Protein backbone atom coordinates (compact mmCIF):
# COMPACT_ATOMS: atom_id res chain seq x y z
CA GLN A 1 -13.54 27.08 -11.06
CA VAL A 2 -12.06 24.18 -8.82
CA GLN A 3 -11.95 21.10 -10.82
CA LEU A 4 -10.26 17.36 -9.68
CA VAL A 5 -9.38 15.64 -12.47
CA GLU A 6 -8.04 11.87 -12.47
CA SER A 7 -6.39 9.88 -14.62
CA GLY A 8 -4.51 6.55 -14.72
CA GLY A 9 -6.72 4.06 -14.72
CA GLY A 10 -7.00 0.84 -16.80
CA LEU A 11 -7.21 -2.86 -16.97
CA VAL A 12 -4.30 -4.87 -15.30
CA GLN A 13 -3.69 -8.35 -14.37
CA PRO A 14 -3.39 -9.23 -10.64
CA GLY A 15 -0.10 -8.35 -9.16
CA GLY A 16 0.26 -5.64 -11.47
CA SER A 17 0.52 -2.02 -10.57
CA LEU A 18 -1.25 1.34 -11.87
CA ARG A 19 -0.57 4.84 -10.98
CA LEU A 20 -3.63 6.95 -10.46
CA SER A 21 -3.23 10.77 -10.92
CA CYS A 22 -5.81 13.30 -9.50
CA ARG A 23 -5.03 17.43 -10.98
CA VAL A 24 -6.38 19.96 -9.04
CA SER A 25 -7.09 23.32 -10.78
CA PRO A 26 -6.63 26.16 -10.14
CA SER A 27 -4.19 24.92 -7.31
CA ILE A 28 -3.93 22.41 -4.70
CA PHE A 29 -2.38 25.06 -2.08
CA ASN A 30 -5.90 25.82 -0.12
CA PHE A 31 -6.93 21.99 0.36
CA ASN A 32 -6.40 20.53 3.53
CA ALA A 33 -6.80 16.58 3.18
CA MET A 34 -7.12 14.98 0.00
CA HIS A 35 -8.38 11.11 -0.35
CA TRP A 36 -8.85 8.67 -2.69
CA TYR A 37 -11.80 6.57 -2.66
CA ARG A 38 -13.39 3.70 -4.65
CA GLN A 39 -16.89 2.48 -5.55
CA VAL A 40 -18.10 -1.21 -6.92
CA PRO A 41 -21.45 -0.91 -8.42
CA GLY A 42 -24.37 -1.31 -5.87
CA ASN A 43 -21.82 -0.50 -2.92
CA GLN A 44 -21.07 2.80 -1.36
CA ARG A 45 -18.09 4.88 -1.81
CA GLU A 46 -15.35 3.31 0.49
CA LEU A 47 -11.99 5.48 1.92
CA VAL A 48 -8.91 3.75 0.54
CA ALA A 49 -6.42 6.25 1.09
CA SER A 50 -5.99 9.92 2.97
CA ALA A 51 -3.17 12.63 2.83
CA PRO A 52 -3.63 15.13 5.47
CA ARG A 53 -1.80 18.33 4.96
CA TYR A 54 0.03 17.46 8.34
CA GLY A 55 0.36 14.42 9.72
CA SER A 56 0.70 10.50 8.48
CA ASN A 57 -1.08 9.26 5.44
CA GLN A 58 -4.04 6.71 6.23
CA TYR A 59 -4.82 3.58 4.73
CA LYS A 60 -7.65 1.15 4.23
CA ASP A 61 -6.50 -1.90 5.78
CA SER A 62 -6.88 -4.28 3.09
CA VAL A 63 -4.64 -1.75 0.66
CA GLN A 64 -2.08 -1.16 3.65
CA GLY A 65 1.59 -1.89 2.43
CA ARG A 66 0.51 -1.87 -1.29
CA PHE A 67 -0.79 1.40 -1.92
CA THR A 68 0.87 4.68 -1.52
CA ILE A 69 -0.76 8.43 -1.78
CA SER A 70 1.28 11.10 -2.40
CA ARG A 71 0.69 15.17 -2.53
CA ASP A 72 2.96 17.23 -4.79
CA PHE A 73 2.35 21.13 -4.19
CA ALA A 74 4.48 22.07 -7.15
CA LYS A 75 2.67 19.80 -9.72
CA ASN A 76 -0.97 20.34 -8.03
CA THR A 77 -1.42 16.21 -7.90
CA VAL A 78 -2.19 13.78 -5.54
CA ASP A 79 -1.32 10.53 -6.81
CA LEU A 80 -2.08 6.90 -5.68
CA GLN A 81 0.44 4.35 -6.27
CA MET A 82 -1.06 0.94 -6.55
CA ASN A 83 1.01 -2.29 -6.13
CA ASN A 84 0.48 -6.04 -6.21
CA LEU A 85 -3.28 -5.20 -7.27
CA LYS A 86 -5.80 -8.05 -6.39
CA PRO A 87 -9.14 -8.61 -8.49
CA GLU A 88 -11.08 -6.99 -5.27
CA ASP A 89 -9.40 -3.89 -5.99
CA THR A 90 -11.53 -3.27 -8.99
CA GLY A 91 -13.93 -0.26 -8.96
CA ILE A 92 -14.14 3.31 -9.95
CA TYR A 93 -11.66 5.53 -8.28
CA TYR A 94 -12.53 9.14 -7.25
CA CYS A 95 -10.18 12.05 -5.59
CA ASN A 96 -11.80 14.21 -3.11
CA GLY A 97 -10.55 17.30 -1.28
CA ASP A 98 -11.62 19.65 1.34
CA ARG A 99 -10.65 23.16 0.08
CA MET A 100 -10.61 26.16 2.89
CA THR A 101 -11.99 29.15 1.66
CA PRO A 102 -11.43 32.70 2.61
CA SER A 103 -13.78 32.98 5.00
CA GLY A 104 -12.73 29.67 6.81
CA SER A 105 -15.42 27.49 6.02
CA SER A 106 -14.73 24.34 3.97
CA GLU A 107 -16.03 23.00 0.67
CA ASN A 108 -15.89 19.60 -0.49
CA TYR A 109 -14.88 18.37 -4.21
CA TRP A 110 -14.93 15.20 -6.03
CA GLY A 111 -13.67 14.31 -9.36
CA GLN A 112 -15.49 12.39 -11.97
CA GLY A 113 -13.59 8.94 -11.42
CA THR A 114 -11.32 6.87 -13.12
CA GLN A 115 -12.02 3.15 -13.59
CA VAL A 116 -9.56 0.46 -12.34
CA THR A 117 -10.27 -3.41 -13.37
CA VAL A 118 -8.24 -5.71 -12.15
CA SER A 119 -8.66 -9.48 -13.91
CA SER A 120 -6.49 -11.98 -15.84
């Protein structure tokens, strides 16, 4: 059974840092692009960062230079390092990925989300 489980959320002051981690089971190997989204109540989920299997990582303009997405095939994780956090970064952060099946189709998976609150 494929599962994505996020961890690392919490309460942090403006200017602080958090590192989110998404553990993929049984393996991240068959996943192509991995993403982090965030959602604020009343709004749609927005794409924050993407890590393609090949190519450069991509970031939402407002987090460029502050957030870093990284994938570790050995640990089956995709992390989001968030520095210089701002109150507008508050939201529920979701891990998302596209897994290739043996038949060549693609299946999309979501984690359950982890809350990040940036407040003084």
